C-alpha atoms as a PDB file:
ATOM      1  CA  MET A   1      90.170  66.760 143.583  1.00  0.00           C
ATOM      2  CA  HIS A   2      89.502  67.499 139.931  1.00  0.00           C
ATOM      3  CA  SER A   3      91.852  69.981 138.266  1.00  0.00           C
ATOM      4  CA  PRO A   4      90.343  72.586 135.933  1.00  0.00           C
ATOM      5  CA  ALA A   5      90.610  72.098 132.195  1.00  0.00           C
ATOM      6  CA  PRO A   6      93.554  73.877 130.583  1.00  0.00           C
ATOM      7  CA  ARG A   7      92.729  77.123 128.844  1.00  0.00           C
ATOM      8  CA  LEU A   8      93.082  77.505 125.134  1.00  0.00           C
ATOM      9  CA  GLY A   9      96.171  79.417 124.131  1.00  0.00           C
ATOM     10  CA  THR A  10      98.284  78.367 127.077  1.00  0.00           C
ATOM     11  CA  CYS A  11     100.603  76.250 124.942  1.00  0.00           C
ATOM     12  CA  SER A  12     104.010  77.849 124.483  1.00  0.00           C
ATOM     13  CA  ARG A  13     103.866  77.207 120.724  1.00  0.00           C
ATOM     14  CA  SER A  14     100.501  78.878 120.193  1.00  0.00           C
ATOM     15  CA  ARG A  15     101.781  82.453 120.517  1.00  0.00           C
ATOM     16  CA  PRO A  16     104.367  82.210 117.701  1.00  0.00           C
ATOM     17  CA  VAL A  17     101.846  80.382 115.522  1.00  0.00           C
ATOM     18  CA  ARG A  18      99.207  83.059 116.132  1.00  0.00           C
ATOM     19  CA  LEU A  19     101.749  85.796 115.448  1.00  0.00           C
ATOM     20  CA  LEU A  20     102.781  84.106 112.205  1.00  0.00           C
ATOM     21  CA  GLY A  21      99.135  83.848 111.189  1.00  0.00           C
ATOM     22  CA  TRP A  22      98.566  87.558 111.803  1.00  0.00           C
ATOM     23  CA  VAL A  23     101.717  88.491 109.886  1.00  0.00           C
ATOM     24  CA  ALA A  24     100.651  86.306 106.951  1.00  0.00           C
ATOM     25  CA  ALA A  25      97.149  87.823 106.932  1.00  0.00           C
ATOM     26  CA  VAL A  26      98.508  91.382 106.970  1.00  0.00           C
ATOM     27  CA  LEU A  27     100.960  90.603 104.154  1.00  0.00           C
ATOM     28  CA  ILE A  28      98.195  89.103 102.027  1.00  0.00           C
ATOM     29  CA  LEU A  29      95.974  92.133 102.609  1.00  0.00           C
ATOM     30  CA  LEU A  30      98.805  94.507 101.718  1.00  0.00           C
ATOM     31  CA  ALA A  31      99.465  92.557  98.515  1.00  0.00           C
ATOM     32  CA  VAL A  32      95.796  92.742  97.528  1.00  0.00           C
ATOM     33  CA  PHE A  33      95.655  96.478  98.200  1.00  0.00           C
ATOM     34  CA  ALA A  34      98.878  96.957  96.222  1.00  0.00           C
ATOM     35  CA  LEU A  35      97.287  95.214  93.234  1.00  0.00           C
ATOM     36  CA  TYR A  36      94.488  97.776  93.236  1.00  0.00           C
ATOM     37  CA  THR A  37      97.092 100.472  92.521  1.00  0.00           C
ATOM     38  CA  ALA A  38      97.945  98.720  89.230  1.00  0.00           C
ATOM     39  CA  PRO A  39      94.949  99.440  86.982  1.00  0.00           C
ATOM     40  CA  GLY A  40      96.374  97.446  84.067  1.00  0.00           C
ATOM     41  CA  PHE A  41      96.540  94.325  86.183  1.00  0.00           C
ATOM     42  CA  MET A  42      93.001  94.811  87.435  1.00  0.00           C
ATOM     43  CA  VAL A  43      91.695  95.227  83.866  1.00  0.00           C
ATOM     44  CA  MET A  44      93.524  92.071  82.782  1.00  0.00           C
ATOM     45  CA  LEU A  45      92.129  90.152  85.763  1.00  0.00           C
ATOM     46  CA  ALA A  46      88.600  91.383  85.021  1.00  0.00           C
ATOM     47  CA  ASN A  47      88.954  90.376  81.356  1.00  0.00           C
ATOM     48  CA  GLN A  48      90.119  86.895  82.327  1.00  0.00           C
ATOM     49  CA  ALA A  49      87.271  86.483  84.799  1.00  0.00           C
ATOM     50  CA  TRP A  50      84.760  87.722  82.214  1.00  0.00           C
ATOM     51  CA  ALA A  51      86.134  85.265  79.636  1.00  0.00           C
ATOM     52  CA  CYS A  52      85.092  82.394  81.905  1.00  0.00           C
ATOM     53  CA  PHE A  53      81.448  83.248  81.315  1.00  0.00           C
END
């Protein structure tokens, strides 16, 4: 008899990899939000982006 196809996410390594991905995404978002609290940095970044045009 034919066995069913394995489900995605059943690998024992997928849970740590997914957790690491979520942790990395949260850290990146926190870093971006922290940059918004530094107005001098945001002005410098806007000036550099504007200089490209």
